[in-house]
Amino acid sequence: MRFGPPVAVPVGVLLPRASPLARPREVALADLAGLDLVAAPRSTAPGWYDHVLDVCRRHGFTPGRVRPASNPEFIFGLLLSGGAVALEPESLARREPRIGWRPLAGQPLVKRTAAAWPGRSAHPAAPMFGQLAAEVLATVEPTPPAAVAPSARPWPVLFDATSD
């Protein structure tokens, strides 16, 4: 196997913007005591799942329950229902205006990602793709997408664009 440049993306806490934990600049894992953790099912990435729970325990956070969620919308729903947090990169929080993100104190969790391709018979563009993927993933503030007309948004039932 050959690998592209690695990218380290900090993991922080996703929580409702109305939560008292959303007020400080950063959140310690121990501050999450008593809350449930929303995470991808263990079967999707057993090593990462075990690592996250190990880091949480070592830093004073043993979740009441680990609630599995396979997609962002389900994560958001569980967070907004109360009593739970998720540990994810900041980019996920930008998808839902009612969700906030705070960095973890001491940055104990980081997702490391790299493109991989076969050492032999790889596509000639594989190294270039690996470099491009690393550059995109390392971008802290991606360029916002073009404006979408309110009627074309998938969530008009949840949000009324005309009210404040």
Protein backbone atom coordinates (compact mmCIF):
# COMPACT_ATOMS: atom_id res chain seq x y z
CA MET A 1 0.00 0.00 0.00
CA ARG A 2 1.03 3.58 -0.65
CA PHE A 3 -0.32 6.50 1.35
CA GLY A 4 -0.88 10.18 0.70
CA PRO A 5 -0.03 12.87 3.22
CA PRO A 6 -1.83 12.43 6.55
CA VAL A 7 -4.28 15.04 7.79
CA ALA A 8 -5.11 15.55 11.47
CA VAL A 9 -8.60 16.94 12.11
CA PRO A 10 -9.41 17.96 15.71
CA VAL A 11 -12.46 16.37 17.27
CA GLY A 12 -14.68 18.46 19.52
CA VAL A 13 -18.07 18.32 21.18
CA LEU A 14 -21.31 18.66 19.21
CA LEU A 15 -24.16 19.85 21.40
CA PRO A 16 -27.29 21.98 21.20
CA ARG A 17 -26.46 25.69 20.96
CA ALA A 18 -28.82 26.28 23.92
CA SER A 19 -26.81 23.97 26.18
CA PRO A 20 -24.87 25.61 29.06
CA LEU A 21 -21.83 23.64 27.84
CA ALA A 22 -21.92 25.66 24.60
CA ARG A 23 -20.95 28.86 26.47
CA PRO A 24 -17.25 28.25 27.29
CA ARG A 25 -14.59 28.43 24.57
CA GLU A 26 -13.64 24.79 25.12
CA VAL A 27 -15.06 21.80 26.97
CA ALA A 28 -13.21 19.21 29.05
CA LEU A 29 -14.35 15.63 28.58
CA ALA A 30 -14.97 15.43 32.35
CA ASP A 31 -17.55 18.25 31.94
CA LEU A 32 -19.69 15.81 29.94
CA ALA A 33 -20.24 13.47 32.91
CA GLY A 34 -23.82 12.24 33.14
CA LEU A 35 -24.53 12.66 29.42
CA ASP A 36 -25.00 10.02 26.75
CA LEU A 37 -22.62 9.80 23.81
CA VAL A 38 -23.97 9.66 20.26
CA ALA A 39 -21.55 7.80 17.99
CA ALA A 40 -21.43 5.73 14.83
CA PRO A 41 -22.17 2.07 15.49
CA ARG A 42 -19.09 0.14 16.62
CA SER A 43 -19.32 -2.12 13.55
CA THR A 44 -18.50 0.81 11.22
CA ALA A 45 -15.08 1.53 12.78
CA PRO A 46 -14.33 -0.71 15.80
CA GLY A 47 -10.83 0.67 16.38
CA TRP A 48 -11.96 4.30 16.40
CA TYR A 49 -15.03 3.49 18.53
CA ASP A 50 -12.89 1.74 21.17
CA HIS A 51 -10.30 4.52 21.06
CA VAL A 52 -12.92 7.24 21.61
CA LEU A 53 -14.43 5.44 24.61
CA ASP A 54 -10.97 4.77 26.06
CA VAL A 55 -9.97 8.45 25.74
CA CYS A 56 -13.31 9.52 27.25
CA ARG A 57 -12.83 7.24 30.28
CA ARG A 58 -9.21 8.33 30.79
CA HIS A 59 -10.37 11.97 30.82
CA GLY A 60 -13.25 11.53 33.24
CA PHE A 61 -16.21 10.96 30.92
CA THR A 62 -17.96 7.62 31.07
CA PRO A 63 -21.12 8.01 28.98
CA GLY A 64 -24.39 6.90 30.56
CA ARG A 65 -25.18 5.18 27.26
CA VAL A 66 -23.64 5.11 23.81
CA ARG A 67 -26.42 5.81 21.35
CA PRO A 68 -25.67 4.63 17.80
CA ALA A 69 -26.34 7.00 14.91
CA SER A 70 -25.36 6.30 11.32
CA ASN A 71 -25.99 9.68 9.68
CA PRO A 72 -25.73 13.35 10.60
CA GLU A 73 -29.48 13.94 10.68
CA PHE A 74 -29.97 11.20 13.25
CA ILE A 75 -27.02 12.54 15.30
CA PHE A 76 -28.61 16.00 15.28
CA GLY A 77 -32.00 14.62 16.30
CA LEU A 78 -30.54 12.75 19.26
CA LEU A 79 -28.54 15.80 20.36
CA LEU A 80 -31.52 18.12 20.08
CA SER A 81 -33.70 15.74 22.10
CA GLY A 82 -31.39 16.46 25.05
CA GLY A 83 -29.06 14.61 27.38
CA ALA A 84 -26.46 13.65 24.78
CA VAL A 85 -23.36 14.92 23.01
CA ALA A 86 -21.32 13.70 20.04
CA LEU A 87 -17.57 13.88 19.47
CA GLU A 88 -16.98 14.93 15.87
CA PRO A 89 -15.01 17.40 13.71
CA GLU A 90 -16.29 20.97 13.54
CA SER A 91 -17.39 20.65 9.91
CA LEU A 92 -20.33 18.45 10.93
CA ALA A 93 -21.81 21.20 13.14
CA ARG A 94 -22.04 23.56 10.17
CA ARG A 95 -24.83 21.43 8.70
CA GLU A 96 -27.34 22.25 11.44
CA PRO A 97 -27.87 25.79 12.79
CA ARG A 98 -29.19 24.57 16.16
CA ILE A 99 -26.00 22.57 16.86
CA GLY A 100 -22.83 24.10 18.25
CA TRP A 101 -19.26 22.80 18.36
CA ARG A 102 -16.65 23.39 21.03
CA PRO A 103 -13.06 22.14 20.97
CA LEU A 104 -12.00 19.65 23.61
CA ALA A 105 -9.65 21.00 26.27
CA GLY A 106 -6.16 19.65 25.60
CA GLN A 107 -7.26 18.24 22.22
CA PRO A 108 -7.27 14.57 23.36
CA LEU A 109 -9.02 13.32 20.19
CA VAL A 110 -7.82 13.85 16.63
CA LYS A 111 -9.01 12.04 13.50
CA ARG A 112 -6.08 11.18 11.26
CA THR A 113 -6.92 10.48 7.64
CA ALA A 114 -4.85 9.64 4.57
CA ALA A 115 -5.67 8.41 1.08
CA ALA A 116 -4.40 4.89 0.35
CA TRP A 117 -3.86 3.01 -2.90
CA PRO A 118 -2.17 -0.22 -4.01
CA GLY A 119 1.61 -0.13 -4.27
CA ARG A 120 1.50 -1.92 -7.64
CA SER A 121 -0.84 -1.22 -10.55
CA ALA A 122 -2.19 1.95 -8.99
CA HIS A 123 -3.90 4.56 -11.11
CA PRO A 124 -1.31 7.15 -12.19
CA ALA A 125 -3.41 9.94 -10.65
CA ALA A 126 -3.59 8.27 -7.20
CA PRO A 127 -0.74 10.33 -5.64
CA MET A 128 -2.22 13.56 -7.01
CA PHE A 129 -5.64 12.58 -5.64
CA GLY A 130 -4.08 11.81 -2.25
CA GLN A 131 -2.46 15.25 -2.16
CA LEU A 132 -5.67 17.01 -3.22
CA ALA A 133 -7.73 15.08 -0.67
CA ALA A 134 -5.29 16.07 2.09
CA GLU A 135 -5.47 19.73 1.09
CA VAL A 136 -9.29 19.69 1.11
CA LEU A 137 -9.50 17.88 4.46
CA ALA A 138 -6.96 20.23 6.02
CA THR A 139 -8.96 23.33 5.07
CA VAL A 140 -10.31 24.79 8.30
CA GLU A 141 -12.95 27.00 6.70
CA PRO A 142 -14.12 25.56 3.38
CA THR A 143 -15.56 27.90 0.80
CA PRO A 144 -19.31 28.15 1.44
CA PRO A 145 -21.49 26.67 -1.29
CA ALA A 146 -23.37 28.94 -3.64
CA ALA A 147 -26.59 30.38 -2.23
CA VAL A 148 -29.59 28.09 -2.48
CA ALA A 149 -33.08 29.48 -2.91
CA PRO A 150 -35.11 28.89 0.29
CA SER A 151 -37.67 26.82 -1.59
CA ALA A 152 -34.93 24.48 -2.86
CA ARG A 153 -33.61 23.66 0.61
CA PRO A 154 -34.43 20.20 1.96
CA TRP A 155 -35.61 21.48 5.35
CA PRO A 156 -38.38 24.06 4.67
CA VAL A 157 -40.73 22.12 6.91
CA LEU A 158 -38.38 22.60 9.89
CA PHE A 159 -37.31 26.19 9.32
CA ASP A 160 -39.30 29.16 8.14
CA ALA A 161 -36.79 31.35 6.29
CA THR A 162 -39.01 34.40 6.73
CA SER A 163 -39.17 34.35 10.56
CA ASP A 164 -36.46 35.27 13.04
